[in-house]
Amino acid sequence: MIDPNSVREAIIEAPFELDNKGETPHPGTLYIPLAHRKALAREATLVVGARGVGKSFWTSALSNDALRNQIGASVQDLVNTDVRVGFAVNSNLDAYPDRATFRQLLCLGKEPETVWKSVVLRWLAEVVNHAIPRASWTETAQWVANNPESFARIAEAADTKLAEQGRFGLIVFDAMDRTSADWDEMNRIVRDVLQVALWMRGFSQLRAKVFLRPDQLDRSKTNFVDASKILSTRVDLTWDRSDLHAMMWQRLINAAECYGENIRTLVSSALPPSEALKNEGSAWKLPTALASEAPHQRRLFELLAGDKMGKDARRGVPYVWSVSHLADGHGWTSPRSFLAAIHGAAEDSRKRYGEHPLPLHYESIKRGIQKASKIRVEQVAEDDSWVPEVMAPLKDRNVPSDYETIRQQWESAFPNGPSDLHSEHLPPQHREKGWDGVRLDLERLGILVTRRDGRVDMPDLYRVGFGLGRRGGVRPGH
């Protein structure tokens, strides 16, 4: 048996990387669910996923040669593909304009499509070693606007050169919410990047991949000619329960030094004789037996947390409970939230239950949910700073609740309506519809849910962090 304390320490030291802001991922963090293999394939132009499901993670991984080759073991068409990032969380002014520069270009009368073609031009001009104006983005965009034929010839030349080399070119666009602080403007920007992606599908060796949140796609005007050809390539980034557990173990077996050794010993004890962990040089790889729920993956988690969320099974099973209580209003649990909860549970178990025979105490798993909820609320505040403001008047109330009570709380706190809500970034998308519009936006974000009886509910992932109660539920952290 492995000492529970050593397993706790291994979880705390594992490469969980709870929030990717453009950093290159650790090789040991790469676990690719089947749905993600389809999303990473070259022909998947439109990839849709909620916050925290891996859009920025995969953008960073695809742009790194070594990691892309590692991914290529599962997604073979990436092996002979060169990748360029056309927009992302982190700034790279030589490759694409930042938000302020993008805004300046639009104020100068440049269409978003022209800006995106300028981004593509700088990439393809490098492929064919063609000199273009690039002292500023204004200069490059003006050249694109004035020289449509020359631009097309550079694209054709790049396509031909890649074909001769037996290579493909892929440009990846992520973090579209960072392009503008105005919804209408951002919708135009998203529409036009999809149009440029469609244009690139007219070449044999060139493709684009656009990562979007569901609400961004819902609001964008996709009624341009042949938009269906882009929409038909859509793949959703989703995580099944077994995917989340497999991803966690993939990272745990790659913890540094003795921490990883202890976890690998634990994992090996739960594997059948025909399966074994593999060291592929840059990282340890999880065997296929642990990629699905039964029987080995579920049994392995029981070695961490047991089979009950209390003194009997009526309170739930840790393997299931740890995922289901982290789902948002759409029923989606993100890897970021799951890892945060497990990490928090290990820290709490070390602090409060050092003599517990299992590495994770069930009460610590509940506190891990509190930690994950707090982190999720902080991350939402980064993208949608109006959300914590509109949730503040509801603190200490219980859910589910009738909507009228919630609306009265909002009306009391914001006498002038949703226009009183401030945002350093994008405001509520539908605030022109009053509090009904704000409710709609919160539902789209997965923060609120309307039950069949009409009452408004909130998943634990957000409820705990925003300080609301629920009879018999996980208590808000203090």
Protein backbone atom coordinates (compact mmCIF):
# COMPACT_ATOMS: atom_id res chain seq x y z
CA MET A 1 0.00 0.00 0.00
CA ILE A 2 1.12 3.55 -0.79
CA ASP A 3 1.19 6.00 2.12
CA PRO A 4 -1.90 8.30 1.80
CA ASN A 5 0.21 11.35 2.68
CA SER A 6 2.59 10.69 -0.22
CA VAL A 7 -0.37 10.49 -2.61
CA ARG A 8 -1.76 13.78 -1.27
CA GLU A 9 1.61 15.43 -1.82
CA ALA A 10 1.76 14.02 -5.35
CA ILE A 11 -1.65 15.48 -6.21
CA ILE A 12 -0.58 18.87 -4.84
CA GLU A 13 2.66 18.75 -6.86
CA ALA A 14 1.17 17.40 -10.12
CA PRO A 15 1.14 19.57 -13.29
CA PHE A 16 -2.52 20.57 -13.07
CA GLU A 17 -2.10 24.03 -14.74
CA LEU A 18 -5.52 25.32 -13.74
CA ASP A 19 -5.65 28.29 -16.10
CA ASN A 20 -3.87 28.45 -19.45
CA LYS A 21 -3.06 32.02 -20.48
CA GLY A 22 -1.07 31.16 -23.55
CA GLU A 23 1.72 29.25 -21.81
CA THR A 24 3.14 26.17 -23.51
CA PRO A 25 1.55 23.12 -21.81
CA HIS A 26 3.63 20.50 -20.02
CA PRO A 27 3.96 17.36 -22.22
CA GLY A 28 2.51 15.24 -19.42
CA THR A 29 -0.77 17.17 -19.50
CA LEU A 30 -1.77 15.99 -22.96
CA TYR A 31 -4.77 13.70 -22.78
CA ILE A 32 -6.93 13.76 -25.89
CA PRO A 33 -10.57 12.60 -25.58
CA LEU A 34 -12.15 11.23 -28.75
CA ALA A 35 -14.25 14.39 -29.27
CA HIS A 36 -11.09 16.48 -29.03
CA ARG A 37 -9.30 14.36 -31.61
CA LYS A 38 -12.02 15.32 -34.07
CA ALA A 39 -11.70 18.97 -33.02
CA LEU A 40 -7.92 19.01 -33.50
CA ALA A 41 -8.10 17.44 -36.95
CA ARG A 42 -7.20 19.78 -39.78
CA GLU A 43 -10.64 19.72 -41.40
CA ALA A 44 -12.49 20.81 -38.23
CA THR A 45 -12.67 24.51 -38.99
CA LEU A 46 -15.22 25.49 -36.32
CA VAL A 47 -14.56 24.27 -32.76
CA VAL A 48 -17.04 25.29 -30.05
CA GLY A 49 -16.49 25.03 -26.31
CA ALA A 50 -17.45 26.73 -23.05
CA ARG A 51 -14.98 28.39 -20.72
CA GLY A 52 -12.30 26.11 -19.32
CA VAL A 53 -12.75 23.16 -21.69
CA GLY A 54 -9.40 23.54 -23.46
CA LYS A 55 -9.65 26.08 -26.32
CA SER A 56 -6.60 28.10 -25.25
CA PHE A 57 -4.82 24.95 -24.07
CA TRP A 58 -5.09 23.34 -27.50
CA THR A 59 -4.17 26.59 -29.27
CA SER A 60 -0.93 26.68 -27.28
CA ALA A 61 -0.26 22.98 -27.80
CA LEU A 62 -0.86 23.14 -31.56
CA SER A 63 1.57 26.02 -31.95
CA ASN A 64 4.42 24.06 -30.32
CA ASP A 65 6.27 21.71 -32.68
CA ALA A 66 7.11 19.06 -30.08
CA LEU A 67 3.61 18.98 -28.59
CA ARG A 68 2.01 18.94 -32.03
CA ASN A 69 4.08 15.89 -32.91
CA GLN A 70 2.92 14.30 -29.66
CA ILE A 71 -0.70 15.07 -30.57
CA GLY A 72 0.01 13.66 -34.03
CA ALA A 73 0.17 10.16 -32.54
CA SER A 74 -3.61 10.45 -32.12
CA VAL A 75 -4.42 13.01 -34.84
CA GLN A 76 -2.27 11.87 -37.72
CA ASP A 77 -3.00 14.69 -40.15
CA LEU A 78 -1.16 17.10 -37.83
CA VAL A 79 2.17 15.34 -38.37
CA ASN A 80 2.72 17.06 -41.74
CA THR A 81 1.00 20.33 -40.79
CA ASP A 82 2.65 23.66 -39.98
CA VAL A 83 0.62 25.79 -37.53
CA ARG A 84 0.41 29.54 -37.13
CA VAL A 85 -1.60 31.33 -34.42
CA GLY A 86 -3.78 34.06 -35.92
CA PHE A 87 -5.16 35.35 -32.61
CA ALA A 88 -4.85 34.17 -29.02
CA VAL A 89 -4.90 35.18 -25.37
CA ASN A 90 -1.25 36.21 -25.26
CA SER A 91 -0.02 39.20 -27.26
CA ASN A 92 2.09 38.71 -30.40
CA LEU A 93 1.94 41.94 -32.40
CA ASP A 94 4.08 40.63 -35.24
CA ALA A 95 1.56 37.84 -35.90
CA TYR A 96 -1.76 39.57 -35.11
CA PRO A 97 -3.07 42.92 -33.79
CA ASP A 98 -4.08 43.30 -30.15
CA ARG A 99 -7.50 44.68 -29.18
CA ALA A 100 -6.46 48.34 -29.21
CA THR A 101 -4.81 47.98 -32.61
CA PHE A 102 -7.81 46.05 -33.96
CA ARG A 103 -10.08 48.84 -32.75
CA GLN A 104 -7.89 51.47 -34.41
CA LEU A 105 -8.02 49.61 -37.73
CA LEU A 106 -11.82 49.47 -37.60
CA CYS A 107 -11.99 53.18 -36.75
CA LEU A 108 -9.86 53.84 -39.83
CA GLY A 109 -12.56 52.17 -41.91
CA LYS A 110 -10.98 48.76 -42.38
CA GLU A 111 -13.43 45.86 -42.39
CA PRO A 112 -12.73 42.98 -39.99
CA GLU A 113 -12.32 40.71 -43.03
CA THR A 114 -9.47 42.93 -44.26
CA VAL A 115 -7.79 42.75 -40.86
CA TRP A 116 -8.02 38.96 -40.78
CA LYS A 117 -6.70 38.69 -44.33
CA SER A 118 -3.80 40.90 -43.23
CA VAL A 119 -3.04 38.37 -40.48
CA VAL A 120 -3.14 35.54 -43.03
CA LEU A 121 -0.98 37.56 -45.45
CA ARG A 122 1.85 38.06 -42.95
CA TRP A 123 1.92 34.30 -42.43
CA LEU A 124 1.75 33.24 -46.08
CA ALA A 125 4.24 35.89 -47.20
CA GLU A 126 6.74 34.24 -44.85
CA VAL A 127 5.97 30.83 -46.37
CA VAL A 128 6.94 32.06 -49.87
CA ASN A 129 9.53 34.60 -48.67
CA HIS A 130 7.63 37.51 -50.25
CA ALA A 131 8.23 41.05 -48.99
CA ILE A 132 5.11 42.96 -47.91
CA PRO A 133 4.55 46.15 -45.90
CA ARG A 134 4.66 45.16 -42.22
CA ALA A 135 5.97 48.18 -40.30
CA SER A 136 2.46 48.50 -38.83
CA TRP A 137 -0.88 46.74 -39.08
CA THR A 138 -2.36 49.86 -40.68
CA GLU A 139 0.21 49.54 -43.46
CA THR A 140 -0.40 45.81 -43.97
CA ALA A 141 -4.19 46.21 -43.97
CA GLN A 142 -4.00 49.08 -46.45
CA TRP A 143 -1.88 46.93 -48.76
CA VAL A 144 -4.44 44.10 -48.59
CA ALA A 145 -7.27 46.53 -49.38
CA ASN A 146 -5.40 48.03 -52.34
CA ASN A 147 -3.89 44.84 -53.79
CA PRO A 148 -6.50 42.06 -53.89
CA GLU A 149 -4.89 40.34 -56.89
CA SER A 150 -1.38 40.37 -55.39
CA PHE A 151 -2.79 39.04 -52.12
CA ALA A 152 -4.52 36.19 -53.98
CA ARG A 153 -1.32 35.34 -55.86
CA ILE A 154 0.68 35.12 -52.62
CA ALA A 155 -1.95 32.75 -51.22
CA GLU A 156 -1.83 30.60 -54.37
CA ALA A 157 1.96 30.54 -54.29
CA ALA A 158 1.99 29.46 -50.65
CA ASP A 159 -0.54 26.73 -51.39
CA THR A 160 1.59 25.46 -54.29
CA LYS A 161 4.81 25.51 -52.26
CA LEU A 162 3.25 23.57 -49.40
CA ALA A 163 1.89 21.00 -51.87
CA GLU A 164 5.36 20.55 -53.39
CA GLN A 165 6.76 19.97 -49.89
CA GLY A 166 3.98 17.57 -48.92
CA ARG A 167 2.97 19.92 -46.12
CA PHE A 168 -0.21 21.68 -45.01
CA GLY A 169 -0.67 25.07 -43.36
CA LEU A 170 -3.13 25.68 -40.52
CA ILE A 171 -3.86 29.02 -38.86
CA VAL A 172 -5.62 28.98 -35.49
CA PHE A 173 -7.88 31.71 -34.08
CA ASP A 174 -8.79 31.75 -30.39
CA ALA A 175 -9.99 34.19 -27.69
CA MET A 176 -12.36 36.14 -29.92
CA ASP A 177 -13.78 37.89 -26.83
CA ARG A 178 -10.41 39.70 -26.57
CA THR A 179 -10.86 41.38 -29.95
CA SER A 180 -13.40 43.99 -28.85
CA ALA A 181 -15.28 45.45 -25.87
CA ASP A 182 -18.43 45.95 -27.95
CA TRP A 183 -20.78 43.05 -28.73
CA ASP A 184 -21.92 44.26 -32.16
CA GLU A 185 -18.35 44.88 -33.19
CA MET A 186 -17.20 41.50 -31.91
CA ASN A 187 -20.02 39.80 -33.80
CA ARG A 188 -18.77 41.38 -37.03
CA ILE A 189 -15.24 40.27 -36.18
CA VAL A 190 -16.37 36.68 -35.58
CA ARG A 191 -18.49 36.62 -38.74
CA ASP A 192 -15.56 37.82 -40.83
CA VAL A 193 -13.01 35.41 -39.38
CA LEU A 194 -15.42 32.63 -40.33
CA GLN A 195 -15.65 34.07 -43.84
CA VAL A 196 -11.86 34.09 -44.14
CA ALA A 197 -11.82 30.50 -42.85
CA LEU A 198 -14.31 29.61 -45.60
CA TRP A 199 -12.15 31.32 -48.22
CA MET A 200 -9.14 29.28 -47.11
CA ARG A 201 -11.07 26.06 -47.68
CA GLY A 202 -10.83 26.86 -51.38
CA PHE A 203 -7.14 25.88 -51.28
CA SER A 204 -5.83 22.33 -51.10
CA GLN A 205 -3.12 22.87 -48.47
CA LEU A 206 -4.45 25.78 -46.38
CA ARG A 207 -6.94 25.60 -43.53
CA ALA A 208 -8.10 27.70 -40.58
CA LYS A 209 -9.39 26.60 -37.19
CA VAL A 210 -11.60 28.95 -35.17
CA PHE A 211 -12.26 28.32 -31.47
CA LEU A 212 -15.50 29.94 -30.24
CA ARG A 213 -17.66 29.92 -27.12
CA PRO A 214 -21.27 28.81 -27.76
CA ASP A 215 -22.67 32.30 -27.02
CA GLN A 216 -20.26 33.86 -29.53
CA LEU A 217 -21.47 31.55 -32.27
CA ASP A 218 -25.12 32.10 -31.31
CA ARG A 219 -24.83 35.87 -31.71
CA SER A 220 -22.69 35.92 -34.83
CA LYS A 221 -24.35 36.44 -38.19
CA THR A 222 -23.68 33.27 -40.14
CA ASN A 223 -25.97 34.03 -43.06
CA PHE A 224 -23.15 34.74 -45.51
CA VAL A 225 -22.88 32.73 -48.72
CA ASP A 226 -21.88 29.09 -48.11
CA ALA A 227 -21.76 29.56 -44.32
CA SER A 228 -23.19 26.04 -44.07
CA LYS A 229 -19.83 24.70 -45.30
CA ILE A 230 -18.20 26.10 -42.16
CA LEU A 231 -21.04 25.18 -39.80
CA SER A 232 -20.95 21.60 -41.07
CA THR A 233 -17.37 21.23 -39.79
CA ARG A 234 -18.42 22.13 -36.22
CA VAL A 235 -17.03 20.00 -33.41
CA ASP A 236 -17.90 20.60 -29.75
CA LEU A 237 -15.21 20.35 -27.08
CA THR A 238 -16.88 18.23 -24.42
CA TRP A 239 -15.61 16.13 -21.51
CA ASP A 240 -17.35 12.96 -20.38
CA ARG A 241 -16.87 11.85 -16.78
CA SER A 242 -14.42 9.15 -17.83
CA ASP A 243 -12.47 11.72 -19.90
CA LEU A 244 -12.06 13.97 -16.86
CA HIS A 245 -10.81 11.14 -14.67
CA ALA A 246 -8.43 9.89 -17.38
CA MET A 247 -7.09 13.43 -17.89
CA MET A 248 -6.47 13.73 -14.14
CA TRP A 249 -4.55 10.44 -13.98
CA GLN A 250 -2.55 11.39 -17.07
CA ARG A 251 -1.31 14.45 -15.18
CA LEU A 252 -0.79 12.62 -11.90
CA ILE A 253 1.46 9.93 -13.38
CA ASN A 254 3.60 12.77 -14.77
CA ALA A 255 4.16 14.49 -11.45
CA ALA A 256 7.84 15.23 -10.83
CA GLU A 257 10.36 12.86 -9.26
CA CYS A 258 9.16 10.69 -6.34
CA TYR A 259 5.64 12.13 -6.53
CA GLY A 260 5.11 10.65 -9.97
CA GLU A 261 6.76 7.37 -8.93
CA ASN A 262 4.32 6.96 -6.05
CA ILE A 263 1.32 7.64 -8.27
CA ARG A 264 2.58 5.25 -10.94
CA THR A 265 2.95 2.54 -8.31
CA LEU A 266 -0.63 3.19 -7.18
CA VAL A 267 -1.95 3.12 -10.75
CA SER A 268 -0.06 -0.06 -11.63
CA SER A 269 -1.64 -1.84 -8.66
CA ALA A 270 -5.10 -1.32 -10.19
CA LEU A 271 -4.23 -2.39 -13.75
CA PRO A 272 -4.77 -5.82 -15.28
CA PRO A 273 -1.60 -7.77 -16.15
CA SER A 274 -2.09 -7.02 -19.86
CA GLU A 275 -1.89 -3.24 -19.34
CA ALA A 276 1.02 -1.09 -18.25
CA LEU A 277 2.13 2.52 -18.08
CA LYS A 278 4.44 3.56 -20.92
CA ASN A 279 7.31 6.03 -20.80
CA GLU A 280 7.46 7.80 -24.15
CA GLY A 281 10.48 9.92 -23.30
CA SER A 282 8.83 13.31 -22.84
CA ALA A 283 5.98 11.94 -20.73
CA TRP A 284 4.34 8.85 -19.26
CA LYS A 285 1.26 7.68 -21.13
CA LEU A 286 -1.93 6.35 -19.58
CA PRO A 287 -2.97 2.85 -20.75
CA THR A 288 -6.26 2.39 -22.57
CA ALA A 289 -7.72 0.45 -19.64
CA LEU A 290 -7.96 3.74 -17.71
CA ALA A 291 -9.61 5.69 -20.52
CA SER A 292 -13.06 4.31 -19.74
CA GLU A 293 -15.10 4.17 -16.56
CA ALA A 294 -15.42 0.48 -15.76
CA PRO A 295 -13.92 -1.36 -14.16
CA HIS A 296 -10.38 -0.10 -13.64
CA GLN A 297 -10.80 3.69 -13.69
CA ARG A 298 -13.62 3.69 -11.16
CA ARG A 299 -11.81 1.20 -8.92
CA LEU A 300 -8.66 3.32 -9.07
CA PHE A 301 -10.48 6.43 -7.87
CA GLU A 302 -11.82 4.41 -4.95
CA LEU A 303 -8.19 3.97 -3.88
CA LEU A 304 -8.09 7.76 -3.61
CA ALA A 305 -11.46 8.58 -2.10
CA GLY A 306 -13.37 5.41 -1.24
CA ASP A 307 -16.84 4.50 -2.47
CA LYS A 308 -19.06 6.71 -0.26
CA MET A 309 -19.49 10.46 0.25
CA GLY A 310 -20.24 9.88 3.94
CA LYS A 311 -20.77 7.05 6.34
CA ASP A 312 -23.10 5.29 3.92
CA ALA A 313 -23.73 5.23 0.17
CA ARG A 314 -26.93 7.32 0.31
CA ARG A 315 -24.90 10.53 0.11
CA GLY A 316 -23.35 9.56 -3.19
CA VAL A 317 -20.28 7.94 -4.71
CA PRO A 318 -17.07 10.06 -4.87
CA TYR A 319 -16.24 8.97 -8.43
CA VAL A 320 -19.57 10.35 -9.68
CA TRP A 321 -20.16 13.07 -7.09
CA SER A 322 -16.83 14.83 -7.72
CA VAL A 323 -17.80 15.45 -11.36
CA SER A 324 -21.57 15.99 -11.19
CA HIS A 325 -21.33 18.71 -8.53
CA LEU A 326 -18.99 20.69 -10.79
CA ALA A 327 -21.31 20.84 -13.79
CA ASP A 328 -22.55 24.20 -15.04
CA GLY A 329 -26.14 24.92 -16.03
CA HIS A 330 -25.67 23.09 -19.33
CA GLY A 331 -24.49 19.95 -17.55
CA TRP A 332 -20.87 20.46 -18.62
CA THR A 333 -17.95 19.97 -16.23
CA SER A 334 -14.67 21.50 -17.32
CA PRO A 335 -11.26 19.95 -16.65
CA ARG A 336 -10.17 23.18 -15.01
CA SER A 337 -12.89 22.93 -12.36
CA PHE A 338 -12.36 19.20 -11.80
CA LEU A 339 -8.62 19.58 -11.30
CA ALA A 340 -9.13 22.55 -8.97
CA ALA A 341 -11.53 20.49 -6.84
CA ILE A 342 -9.19 17.48 -6.60
CA HIS A 343 -6.21 19.73 -5.81
CA GLY A 344 -8.25 21.50 -3.13
CA ALA A 345 -9.41 18.18 -1.68
CA ALA A 346 -5.79 17.00 -1.36
CA GLU A 347 -4.75 20.21 0.41
CA ASP A 348 -7.71 20.03 2.79
CA SER A 349 -7.15 16.33 3.53
CA ARG A 350 -3.51 17.05 4.39
CA LYS A 351 -4.56 19.88 6.68
CA ARG A 352 -7.58 18.31 8.43
CA TYR A 353 -7.43 14.53 7.98
CA GLY A 354 -3.77 13.58 8.09
CA GLU A 355 -4.58 10.20 9.71
CA HIS A 356 -7.35 9.28 7.29
CA PRO A 357 -6.56 5.90 5.63
CA LEU A 358 -7.40 7.24 2.15
CA PRO A 359 -5.66 10.18 0.42
CA LEU A 360 -8.92 12.16 -0.05
CA HIS A 361 -11.50 12.52 2.72
CA TYR A 362 -15.09 12.90 1.51
CA GLU A 363 -15.51 16.14 3.49
CA SER A 364 -12.38 17.46 1.79
CA ILE A 365 -13.90 16.69 -1.61
CA LYS A 366 -16.80 18.96 -0.62
CA ARG A 367 -14.32 21.70 0.32
CA GLY A 368 -12.58 21.06 -2.99
CA ILE A 369 -15.87 21.94 -4.67
CA GLN A 370 -15.83 25.20 -2.69
CA LYS A 371 -12.34 25.97 -3.95
CA ALA A 372 -13.23 25.12 -7.55
CA SER A 373 -16.35 27.30 -7.35
CA LYS A 374 -14.34 30.23 -5.98
CA ILE A 375 -11.80 29.88 -8.80
CA ARG A 376 -14.58 29.62 -11.41
CA VAL A 377 -16.26 32.78 -10.11
CA GLU A 378 -12.93 34.64 -10.21
CA GLN A 379 -12.36 33.52 -13.79
CA VAL A 380 -15.86 34.54 -14.86
CA ALA A 381 -15.18 37.98 -13.39
CA GLU A 382 -12.18 38.31 -15.71
CA ASP A 383 -14.28 37.79 -18.85
CA ASP A 384 -17.68 39.09 -17.70
CA SER A 385 -17.07 41.58 -14.90
CA TRP A 386 -20.78 42.43 -14.74
CA VAL A 387 -21.65 38.91 -13.48
CA PRO A 388 -20.32 39.27 -9.88
CA GLU A 389 -22.02 42.66 -9.69
CA VAL A 390 -25.44 41.30 -10.66
CA MET A 391 -25.03 38.27 -8.39
CA ALA A 392 -24.04 40.28 -5.29
CA PRO A 393 -27.66 41.21 -4.29
CA LEU A 394 -28.55 37.49 -4.26
CA LYS A 395 -25.89 36.49 -1.73
CA ASP A 396 -27.16 34.45 1.25
CA ARG A 397 -30.45 33.66 -0.53
CA ASN A 398 -31.44 30.05 -1.15
CA VAL A 399 -32.08 28.43 -4.50
CA PRO A 400 -34.20 27.30 -6.16
CA SER A 401 -36.18 30.55 -6.00
CA ASP A 402 -39.02 32.07 -7.95
CA TYR A 403 -37.81 34.55 -10.56
CA GLU A 404 -39.97 37.38 -9.25
CA THR A 405 -38.06 37.39 -5.95
CA ILE A 406 -34.74 37.54 -7.79
CA ARG A 407 -35.93 40.35 -10.04
CA GLN A 408 -37.10 42.36 -7.03
CA GLN A 409 -33.61 42.01 -5.53
CA TRP A 410 -32.10 43.32 -8.75
CA GLU A 411 -34.56 46.19 -9.02
CA SER A 412 -33.82 47.22 -5.45
CA ALA A 413 -30.05 47.14 -5.99
CA PHE A 414 -30.09 48.74 -9.45
CA PRO A 415 -32.94 51.32 -9.62
CA ASN A 416 -32.08 52.31 -13.19
CA GLY A 417 -32.13 48.76 -14.45
CA PRO A 418 -29.32 46.80 -16.14
CA SER A 419 -27.76 50.05 -17.38
CA ASP A 420 -26.43 50.43 -13.81
CA LEU A 421 -24.23 47.37 -14.35
CA HIS A 422 -20.62 48.27 -15.08
CA SER A 423 -18.20 46.21 -17.09
CA GLU A 424 -14.55 46.69 -17.97
CA HIS A 425 -15.10 44.34 -20.86
CA LEU A 426 -18.30 43.15 -22.54
CA PRO A 427 -21.62 44.10 -20.84
CA PRO A 428 -24.62 41.72 -20.72
CA GLN A 429 -25.47 40.87 -24.31
CA HIS A 430 -29.23 41.35 -23.90
CA ARG A 431 -29.46 44.15 -21.33
CA GLU A 432 -31.69 46.12 -23.70
CA LYS A 433 -34.37 43.55 -22.76
CA GLY A 434 -34.17 44.54 -19.10
CA TRP A 435 -33.77 41.99 -16.32
CA ASP A 436 -35.28 39.26 -18.52
CA GLY A 437 -32.35 39.83 -20.89
CA VAL A 438 -29.82 39.61 -18.04
CA ARG A 439 -31.45 36.37 -16.90
CA LEU A 440 -31.14 35.04 -20.46
CA ASP A 441 -27.43 35.91 -20.52
CA LEU A 442 -26.84 34.19 -17.17
CA GLU A 443 -28.57 31.09 -18.50
CA ARG A 444 -26.46 31.13 -21.66
CA LEU A 445 -23.35 31.29 -19.49
CA GLY A 446 -24.60 28.27 -17.54
CA ILE A 447 -24.87 30.25 -14.28
CA LEU A 448 -28.64 30.13 -13.91
CA VAL A 449 -31.05 27.31 -14.81
CA THR A 450 -34.84 27.47 -15.10
CA ARG A 451 -36.54 24.40 -13.67
CA ARG A 452 -39.65 22.82 -15.16
CA ASP A 453 -41.76 24.41 -12.41
CA GLY A 454 -40.48 27.86 -13.46
CA ARG A 455 -38.20 28.40 -10.46
CA VAL A 456 -34.65 29.62 -10.98
CA ASP A 457 -31.84 27.37 -9.81
CA MET A 458 -28.06 27.58 -9.82
CA PRO A 459 -25.51 24.74 -10.15
CA ASP A 460 -23.12 24.28 -7.22
CA LEU A 461 -20.21 25.33 -9.45
CA TYR A 462 -21.49 28.92 -9.27
CA ARG A 463 -23.84 28.87 -6.29
CA VAL A 464 -21.11 28.16 -3.75
CA GLY A 465 -18.73 30.80 -5.09
CA PHE A 466 -21.42 33.48 -5.25
CA GLY A 467 -22.49 32.71 -1.68
CA LEU A 468 -26.01 31.35 -2.21
CA GLY A 469 -27.43 28.49 -0.17
CA ARG A 470 -29.29 25.29 -0.89
CA ARG A 471 -30.99 23.07 1.64
CA GLY A 472 -28.78 19.97 2.05
CA GLY A 473 -26.23 21.19 -0.52
CA VAL A 474 -22.55 22.07 -0.34
CA ARG A 475 -22.20 25.12 1.89
CA PRO A 476 -20.71 28.31 0.46
CA GLY A 477 -17.10 28.81 1.52
CA HIS A 478 -16.14 31.59 3.90
